[in-house]
Amino acid sequence: MARKKAAVDFEKSLAELQQLVERLEGGELSLEDSLACFEQGIRLTRDCQAALSQAEQKVQILLERGGTLEQAPFDADSQA
């Protein structure tokens, strides 16, 4: 269940980030609104980067085992 939630969160964050970029590129926002959107975009970018990093670490673990699936503990908090 956690894997699906992480994927949904990543997709949601990425979609929100794309919307923010479109709003910023539109040029219709005030300076204050632009800065608020930029700050939110930075947070979303960091969330997406963290999700991608965790996915990359999981792939690396699988590759190091020669592609065989073995059950092993993975603590995302200690890996980030």
Protein backbone atom coordinates (compact mmCIF):
# COMPACT_ATOMS: atom_id res chain seq x y z
CA MET A 1 0.00 0.00 0.00
CA ALA A 2 2.88 2.38 0.76
CA ARG A 3 4.32 1.94 -2.75
CA LYS A 4 1.04 2.96 -4.38
CA LYS A 5 0.69 5.95 -2.05
CA ALA A 6 4.26 7.08 -2.83
CA ALA A 7 3.60 6.81 -6.56
CA VAL A 8 0.35 8.74 -6.24
CA ASP A 9 2.07 11.42 -4.14
CA PHE A 10 4.85 11.73 -6.73
CA GLU A 11 2.39 12.00 -9.61
CA LYS A 12 0.28 14.52 -7.69
CA SER A 13 3.33 16.62 -6.77
CA LEU A 14 4.58 16.54 -10.35
CA ALA A 15 1.18 17.62 -11.69
CA GLU A 16 1.01 20.48 -9.17
CA LEU A 17 4.51 21.53 -10.14
CA GLN A 18 3.57 21.60 -13.82
CA GLN A 19 0.54 23.77 -13.02
CA LEU A 20 2.72 26.18 -11.04
CA VAL A 21 5.16 26.47 -13.93
CA GLU A 22 2.32 27.24 -16.32
CA ARG A 23 0.98 29.94 -13.99
CA LEU A 24 4.41 31.49 -13.63
CA GLU A 25 5.08 31.39 -17.36
CA GLY A 26 1.71 33.02 -18.00
CA GLY A 27 3.04 36.26 -16.57
CA GLU A 28 -0.29 37.25 -15.03
CA LEU A 29 0.76 36.87 -11.39
CA SER A 30 1.80 39.69 -9.10
CA LEU A 31 5.31 39.63 -7.69
CA GLU A 32 4.00 38.42 -4.33
CA ASP A 33 1.97 35.62 -5.94
CA SER A 34 4.92 34.69 -8.14
CA LEU A 35 7.17 34.34 -5.10
CA ALA A 36 4.57 32.23 -3.29
CA CYS A 37 4.27 29.95 -6.34
CA PHE A 38 8.06 29.74 -6.59
CA GLU A 39 8.35 28.73 -2.92
CA GLN A 40 5.68 26.07 -3.35
CA GLY A 41 7.45 24.86 -6.49
CA ILE A 42 10.70 24.48 -4.59
CA ARG A 43 8.95 22.35 -1.94
CA LEU A 44 7.31 20.20 -4.60
CA THR A 45 10.62 19.80 -6.45
CA ARG A 46 12.31 18.60 -3.26
CA ASP A 47 9.49 16.13 -2.61
CA CYS A 48 9.78 14.76 -6.15
CA GLN A 49 13.55 14.52 -5.91
CA ALA A 50 13.27 12.60 -2.63
CA ALA A 51 10.77 10.16 -4.17
CA LEU A 52 13.01 9.62 -7.19
CA SER A 53 16.05 9.11 -4.98
CA GLN A 54 14.23 6.44 -2.97
CA ALA A 55 13.14 4.68 -6.16
CA GLU A 56 16.72 4.79 -7.46
CA GLN A 57 18.00 3.28 -4.22
CA LYS A 58 15.49 0.44 -4.47
CA VAL A 59 16.55 -0.26 -8.06
CA GLN A 60 20.21 -0.21 -7.02
CA ILE A 61 19.50 -2.73 -4.26
CA LEU A 62 17.87 -5.06 -6.79
CA LEU A 63 20.73 -4.68 -9.26
CA GLU A 64 23.32 -5.43 -6.59
CA ARG A 65 21.56 -8.73 -5.89
CA GLY A 66 21.83 -9.75 -9.52
CA GLY A 67 18.19 -9.05 -10.16
CA THR A 68 16.94 -11.72 -7.79
CA LEU A 69 14.09 -10.71 -5.59
CA GLU A 70 14.84 -11.16 -1.94
CA GLN A 71 12.91 -9.75 0.92
CA ALA A 72 15.01 -7.19 2.77
CA PRO A 73 14.23 -4.32 5.08
CA PHE A 74 14.22 -0.89 3.51
CA ASP A 75 13.94 2.14 5.74
CA ALA A 76 13.23 5.17 3.55
CA ASP A 77 13.89 7.56 6.43
CA SER A 78 17.41 6.31 7.02
CA GLN A 79 18.18 6.25 3.27
CA ALA A 80 17.21 9.87 2.56
